[in-house]
Protein backbone atom coordinates (compact mmCIF):
# COMPACT_ATOMS: atom_id res chain seq x y z
CA MET A 1 -14.31 2.09 -14.94
CA THR A 2 -11.52 2.01 -14.99
CA LYS A 3 -9.61 -1.10 -16.44
CA ARG A 4 -6.97 -3.11 -15.02
CA TYR A 5 -4.72 -4.89 -17.52
CA PRO A 6 -1.77 -7.72 -17.62
CA PHE A 7 1.09 -6.42 -16.96
CA THR A 8 3.00 -6.07 -20.37
CA PHE A 9 6.10 -4.66 -21.31
CA ILE A 10 5.42 -0.93 -23.07
CA VAL A 11 8.33 0.58 -24.58
CA GLY A 12 7.74 4.30 -24.04
CA SER A 13 8.44 6.82 -26.69
CA ALA A 14 10.95 9.71 -25.99
CA LEU A 15 9.74 12.14 -23.47
CA LEU A 16 9.59 16.03 -24.85
CA THR A 17 11.25 17.94 -22.02
CA LEU A 18 9.26 20.72 -20.51
CA PRO A 19 10.30 24.43 -19.98
CA LEU A 20 10.43 24.70 -16.24
CA ALA A 21 8.99 28.49 -16.46
CA LEU A 22 5.62 27.45 -18.00
CA PRO A 23 2.28 27.68 -15.19
CA ILE A 24 1.21 24.09 -13.71
CA THR A 25 -2.30 25.52 -16.04
CA ALA A 26 -0.44 25.27 -19.11
CA MET A 27 1.94 22.25 -18.40
CA ALA A 28 -0.81 20.23 -17.50
CA GLN A 29 -2.82 20.71 -21.05
CA GLN A 30 0.60 19.59 -22.75
CA GLU A 31 0.72 15.98 -20.20
CA ASP A 32 -0.10 12.61 -22.09
CA ALA A 33 -3.58 11.26 -20.93
CA SER A 34 -1.97 7.99 -20.12
CA VAL A 35 -1.19 7.42 -15.97
CA ARG A 36 -0.19 3.78 -15.70
CA PHE A 37 -0.31 2.52 -12.09
CA SER A 38 1.53 -0.35 -10.59
CA SER A 39 -1.56 -2.39 -8.64
CA PRO A 40 -0.05 -6.06 -6.66
CA PRO A 41 -3.06 -7.89 -5.42
CA TRP A 42 -3.32 -6.35 -2.42
CA PRO A 43 -6.47 -5.30 -1.36
CA GLY A 44 -5.08 -1.57 0.60
CA VAL A 45 -3.32 -0.81 -2.57
CA THR A 46 -6.35 -2.08 -5.42
CA VAL A 47 -8.54 0.17 -3.68
CA LYS A 48 -7.16 2.96 -3.36
CA THR A 49 -5.66 3.14 -7.18
CA ALA A 50 -9.55 2.79 -7.69
CA MET A 51 -9.87 5.93 -6.03
CA THR A 52 -7.09 7.56 -7.33
CA SER A 53 -8.05 6.22 -11.04
CA ALA A 54 -11.88 7.70 -10.64
CA LEU A 55 -10.65 11.23 -9.67
CA LEU A 56 -7.32 10.96 -12.57
CA GLU A 57 -10.15 9.71 -14.61
CA ALA A 58 -12.67 12.34 -13.65
CA LEU A 59 -9.93 15.47 -14.45
CA GLY A 60 -9.41 13.96 -18.38
CA TYR A 61 -6.26 11.84 -17.64
CA GLN A 62 -6.72 7.92 -18.92
CA PRO A 63 -5.39 5.96 -15.73
CA SER A 64 -5.07 1.96 -16.00
CA GLN A 65 -3.93 -0.64 -13.43
CA GLN A 66 -0.97 -3.60 -13.94
CA GLU A 67 -1.43 -6.14 -11.54
CA VAL A 68 2.27 -7.56 -10.96
CA GLY A 69 4.14 -7.88 -7.79
CA SER A 70 6.80 -5.55 -5.90
CA THR A 71 9.53 -6.70 -7.51
CA ILE A 72 8.56 -6.05 -11.49
CA THR A 73 6.41 -3.47 -9.95
CA TYR A 74 10.39 -1.76 -8.90
CA GLU A 75 12.15 -2.54 -12.29
CA ALA A 76 8.80 -1.79 -14.77
CA LEU A 77 9.09 1.50 -12.79
CA ASN A 78 13.19 2.06 -13.27
CA LEU A 79 12.49 0.70 -17.33
CA GLY A 80 9.11 3.72 -17.91
CA GLU A 81 7.02 0.83 -18.46
CA ILE A 82 4.96 1.89 -15.17
CA ASP A 83 4.51 5.51 -14.08
CA ALA A 84 3.19 5.33 -10.55
CA PHE A 85 3.40 3.01 -7.34
CA LEU A 86 0.77 3.93 -4.40
CA ALA A 87 2.66 1.06 -2.08
CA ALA A 88 6.56 1.00 -1.39
CA TRP A 89 5.83 -0.38 2.05
CA LEU A 90 9.33 0.61 4.43
CA PRO A 91 11.28 -0.78 5.61
CA ALA A 92 9.91 -4.31 4.16
CA GLN A 93 10.93 -2.91 0.93
CA GLN A 94 14.18 -1.77 1.58
CA PRO A 95 16.30 -4.15 -0.56
CA MET A 96 14.10 -3.31 -3.63
CA TYR A 97 13.61 0.81 -3.01
CA ASP A 98 17.10 1.44 -2.16
CA PRO A 99 18.60 0.57 -5.52
CA SER A 100 15.91 2.46 -7.10
CA ILE A 101 16.41 5.81 -5.42
CA GLU A 102 20.15 4.82 -5.91
CA LYS A 103 19.70 4.84 -10.06
CA GLY A 104 18.50 8.17 -10.00
CA THR A 105 15.08 6.34 -12.01
CA ILE A 106 12.22 6.61 -9.57
CA VAL A 107 10.98 9.95 -7.32
CA ASP A 108 9.40 9.51 -3.79
CA LEU A 109 6.62 11.76 -3.28
CA GLY A 110 6.72 10.23 0.97
CA ASN A 111 4.40 9.07 2.69
CA ASN A 112 0.46 8.31 1.66
CA VAL A 113 -1.14 6.39 4.55
CA ASP A 114 -0.74 7.90 7.96
CA GLY A 115 0.00 5.36 10.78
CA ALA A 116 0.97 1.76 8.74
CA ARG A 117 2.25 -0.84 10.60
CA LEU A 118 4.07 -4.37 10.79
CA GLY A 119 4.64 -6.59 13.16
CA PHE A 120 3.90 -10.47 15.36
CA GLY A 121 0.01 -10.16 16.02
CA VAL A 122 -1.18 -12.52 18.24
CA PRO A 123 -5.75 -12.61 19.24
CA ARG A 124 -6.31 -10.51 21.98
CA TYR A 125 -6.48 -13.96 24.59
CA VAL A 126 -3.27 -15.08 23.79
CA ALA A 127 -1.48 -11.59 24.69
CA GLU A 128 -3.82 -11.85 27.93
CA ALA A 129 -1.80 -14.93 28.47
CA GLY A 130 1.09 -13.48 28.86
CA VAL A 131 2.75 -13.25 25.01
CA THR A 132 3.55 -9.38 24.91
CA SER A 133 6.23 -9.03 23.51
CA ALA A 134 8.19 -11.04 20.71
CA GLU A 135 10.66 -12.43 23.33
CA ASP A 136 7.79 -14.43 24.84
CA LEU A 137 7.40 -16.36 21.59
CA ASP A 138 9.85 -19.27 22.21
CA LYS A 139 9.97 -19.09 26.04
CA GLU A 140 9.26 -22.71 27.36
CA GLU A 141 5.63 -22.23 28.48
CA PHE A 142 4.50 -20.48 25.10
CA ALA A 143 6.91 -21.87 22.16
CA GLU A 144 4.48 -25.46 21.73
CA ARG A 145 0.87 -23.43 21.78
CA PHE A 146 2.34 -22.32 19.18
CA ASP A 147 3.42 -25.38 17.68
CA ARG A 148 6.84 -23.38 17.04
CA THR A 149 4.89 -22.16 14.06
CA ILE A 150 4.50 -18.57 12.44
CA TYR A 151 2.05 -18.11 9.47
CA ASN A 152 2.80 -15.53 7.01
CA ILE A 153 1.61 -14.29 3.51
CA GLU A 154 3.25 -15.00 -0.11
CA ALA A 155 7.07 -16.13 -0.07
CA GLY A 156 8.55 -13.48 -1.80
CA SER A 157 7.27 -10.41 -0.24
CA GLY A 158 8.62 -7.92 1.99
CA MET A 159 7.07 -9.56 5.16
CA SER A 160 8.27 -12.88 4.06
CA GLU A 161 12.13 -11.54 3.43
CA ILE A 162 12.01 -9.74 7.02
CA LEU A 163 10.90 -13.11 8.60
CA ASN A 164 12.81 -15.50 7.01
CA GLY A 165 15.83 -13.01 7.83
CA GLY A 166 14.56 -13.22 11.61
CA VAL A 167 14.82 -16.81 11.45
CA ASP A 168 18.06 -17.33 9.92
CA GLU A 169 19.60 -14.86 12.50
CA ASP A 170 17.65 -16.85 15.37
CA ILE A 171 16.35 -13.62 16.39
CA TYR A 172 14.21 -14.35 19.27
CA GLY A 173 14.83 -17.98 19.15
CA LEU A 174 12.93 -17.97 16.53
CA GLY A 175 15.89 -20.25 14.46
CA ASP A 176 13.83 -23.60 15.05
CA TRP A 177 10.47 -21.73 14.31
CA ASN A 178 9.20 -22.98 10.94
CA LEU A 179 7.47 -20.50 8.77
CA SER A 180 3.89 -21.42 6.94
CA GLU A 181 3.61 -18.82 3.80
CA THR A 182 1.09 -18.56 1.73
CA SER A 183 -1.36 -16.23 -0.01
CA THR A 184 -2.82 -13.60 2.22
CA PRO A 185 -6.24 -15.38 2.09
CA GLY A 186 -4.96 -18.65 3.24
CA MET A 187 -3.14 -16.98 6.27
CA LEU A 188 -5.95 -15.22 7.27
CA SER A 189 -8.59 -18.06 7.05
CA VAL A 190 -5.75 -20.20 9.50
CA VAL A 191 -6.22 -16.65 12.11
CA LYS A 192 -9.64 -17.21 11.45
CA ASN A 193 -10.09 -20.93 11.97
CA ALA A 194 -7.82 -20.19 15.45
CA ILE A 195 -9.72 -17.28 17.36
CA ASN A 196 -13.06 -19.05 16.43
CA ASN A 197 -11.43 -22.25 18.61
CA ASP A 198 -9.82 -20.36 20.95
CA GLU A 199 -6.58 -21.34 19.78
CA TRP A 200 -2.85 -19.55 19.86
CA VAL A 201 -1.89 -18.53 16.48
CA VAL A 202 0.96 -15.79 15.69
CA PHE A 203 1.44 -14.48 12.72
CA GLY A 204 3.07 -11.45 10.23
CA ALA A 205 0.31 -8.72 10.84
CA TRP A 206 -0.37 -5.20 9.61
CA THR A 207 -2.08 -1.88 9.27
CA PRO A 208 -4.01 -0.64 7.18
CA HIS A 209 -5.95 -4.29 6.98
CA TRP A 210 -9.86 -5.17 7.54
CA MET A 211 -8.24 -7.81 10.39
CA ASN A 212 -7.74 -4.95 12.54
CA ILE A 213 -11.80 -4.10 12.33
CA GLU A 214 -12.68 -7.89 11.92
CA TYR A 215 -10.43 -9.13 14.73
CA ASP A 216 -9.32 -8.57 18.07
CA ILE A 217 -5.52 -8.70 17.54
CA VAL A 218 -2.81 -7.53 19.45
CA TYR A 219 0.61 -6.35 18.21
CA LEU A 220 3.36 -7.70 20.43
CA GLU A 221 6.50 -5.41 21.03
CA ASP A 222 9.75 -5.69 19.05
CA PRO A 223 12.34 -4.61 21.00
CA GLU A 224 15.20 -5.78 18.72
CA ASP A 225 13.16 -3.66 15.48
CA LEU A 226 12.97 -6.91 13.63
CA TRP A 227 9.82 -5.00 12.03
CA GLY A 228 11.79 -1.57 11.50
CA SER A 229 12.19 1.00 13.84
CA ASN A 230 9.89 2.62 16.36
CA GLY A 231 7.45 -0.38 16.52
CA GLY A 232 7.16 -1.71 12.98
CA ARG A 233 6.14 1.63 12.01
CA SER A 234 5.67 2.10 8.74
CA ASP A 235 5.85 4.33 5.71
CA VAL A 236 3.82 3.51 2.56
CA LYS A 237 5.33 5.67 -0.25
CA THR A 238 4.00 7.17 -3.62
CA LEU A 239 6.39 6.62 -6.09
CA LEU A 240 6.80 7.85 -9.71
CA ASN A 241 9.23 7.22 -12.44
CA LYS A 242 11.12 10.12 -12.45
CA ASP A 243 11.21 10.63 -16.75
CA PHE A 244 6.74 10.87 -16.28
CA ALA A 245 7.16 12.73 -12.61
CA ASP A 246 9.12 15.52 -14.81
CA SER A 247 6.64 15.48 -17.98
CA HIS A 248 3.72 15.72 -15.40
CA PRO A 249 3.81 18.11 -13.11
CA ASN A 250 -0.14 18.64 -12.68
CA VAL A 251 -0.41 14.56 -12.15
CA SER A 252 3.33 14.42 -9.87
CA LYS A 253 0.94 17.42 -7.73
CA PHE A 254 -1.98 15.50 -7.13
CA LEU A 255 -0.41 12.01 -6.06
CA ASP A 256 1.66 13.92 -3.81
CA GLN A 257 -0.97 15.29 -2.14
CA ILE A 258 -2.83 12.26 -1.72
CA VAL A 259 -2.35 11.10 2.10
CA ILE A 260 -5.07 9.09 4.27
CA SER A 261 -5.05 7.34 7.70
CA ALA A 262 -4.67 3.71 8.10
CA ASP A 263 -8.02 4.04 9.77
CA ASP A 264 -9.44 5.62 6.63
CA GLN A 265 -7.67 3.04 4.24
CA SER A 266 -8.71 0.21 6.53
CA GLU A 267 -12.26 0.43 5.75
CA MET A 268 -11.57 0.43 2.06
CA ILE A 269 -9.95 -2.75 2.35
CA LEU A 270 -13.06 -4.01 4.78
CA GLY A 271 -15.68 -3.24 2.28
CA PHE A 272 -13.50 -4.45 -1.10
CA GLY A 273 -11.21 -7.09 0.52
CA PHE A 274 -13.60 -8.61 3.27
CA GLU A 275 -17.21 -7.76 2.33
CA ASN A 276 -16.39 -8.93 -1.43
CA ARG A 277 -17.48 -5.27 -3.06
CA GLU A 278 -15.89 -4.17 -6.34
CA PRO A 279 -12.80 -1.89 -5.85
CA GLU A 280 -14.77 0.79 -7.71
CA GLU A 281 -17.84 0.65 -6.06
CA VAL A 282 -16.01 0.91 -2.47
CA ALA A 283 -13.85 3.69 -3.90
CA LEU A 284 -16.66 6.09 -5.58
CA GLU A 285 -18.09 5.42 -2.13
CA TRP A 286 -15.36 6.63 0.17
CA ILE A 287 -14.84 9.71 -2.25
CA LYS A 288 -18.18 10.84 -1.83
CA ASN A 289 -18.41 10.19 1.93
CA ASN A 290 -14.78 12.19 2.45
CA PRO A 291 -15.11 15.82 0.09
CA GLU A 292 -13.18 18.03 2.11
CA LYS A 293 -10.52 15.18 1.86
CA ILE A 294 -11.03 15.13 -1.94
CA LYS A 295 -10.46 18.67 -2.43
CA THR A 296 -7.02 18.72 -0.41
CA PHE A 297 -6.03 16.19 -2.57
CA VAL A 298 -6.49 18.80 -5.13
CA GLU A 299 -5.35 22.08 -4.01
CA GLY A 300 -3.40 23.73 -6.70
CA VAL A 301 -4.43 21.10 -8.90
CA THR A 302 -5.99 21.51 -12.13
CA THR A 303 -7.61 19.01 -14.94
CA ARG A 304 -5.61 18.25 -18.02
CA ASP A 305 -7.32 21.05 -20.08
CA GLY A 306 -6.07 23.00 -16.87
CA GLU A 307 -9.18 23.79 -15.02
CA PRO A 308 -9.61 24.46 -11.53
CA ALA A 309 -9.83 20.83 -10.29
CA TRP A 310 -11.97 21.07 -7.37
CA PRO A 311 -14.94 22.46 -9.11
CA VAL A 312 -14.97 19.59 -11.95
CA LEU A 313 -14.79 16.95 -9.31
CA GLN A 314 -17.56 18.09 -6.96
CA GLU A 315 -19.49 18.37 -10.40
CA ALA A 316 -18.79 14.65 -11.55
CA PHE A 317 -18.97 12.81 -7.90
CA ASP A 318 -22.06 15.33 -6.75
CA LEU A 319 -19.94 16.67 -3.98
CA SER A 320 -20.23 19.34 -1.52
CA GLN A 321 -18.99 22.57 -0.34
CA GLY A 322 -16.25 20.54 1.97
């Protein structure tokens, strides 16, 4: 079982420059075994990182998870004190992402979740009553029913920055609205109570998450692109420290090929964040139920000893041929 460790700054030793001409099988054998993930206390990245770590461990690596917030994560990636991060939500984290890219200290491997989205969420009965766009929120007949309050997750998060900016700039007439910011469980407790009592509530919603399975919610249209372009559609990117990426081509290739759907990740989050199962248990179940997807993750990838990855994973997790 992969252990999760509290965050401590680690002074890394100088990394050897590897000849580019070496094949990936030879280079894998020269890779250091340690792979340090940042895993903020968000259900999605917790389970996704547990799944990735289980596969890496079977391939001969020694993954660890450090539970820190996104701001510290970017700082640690820049300094080489974290190797990998699987939850770079954009555009929500754009103010942290852009300076890191400009420094040239991180490598963006691209999106690892298809179908991610941020936006205003309301219960379906609220949408059916006429609130289908964020432009409807401040209408006289609706605003008081929401008590002019938007519920959201913790201050300092990317979603908090977006909503605070919307209030400050009076987008959609929200300048006189209140933001009630708490933890994700705290916000969803408010949403659950409101739905159970057929009350009106508007909140910062996102997918993937178990809320999309357990609650019948609707995402409001966002004509001003407060949540980003294309209806709040988001990228969830995999980021690596550049020195780590350069010295770990085999791990980098593996992490680059991990892409799952928002529905898949929502199912993982349901098992961990809603059913309160251990993330390692949920990750193992998903691995066993999705051999064909696991096989695509490791195409062209080897173990740390240079053996083809897929047969090793088949044996380790009792997977079918796929």
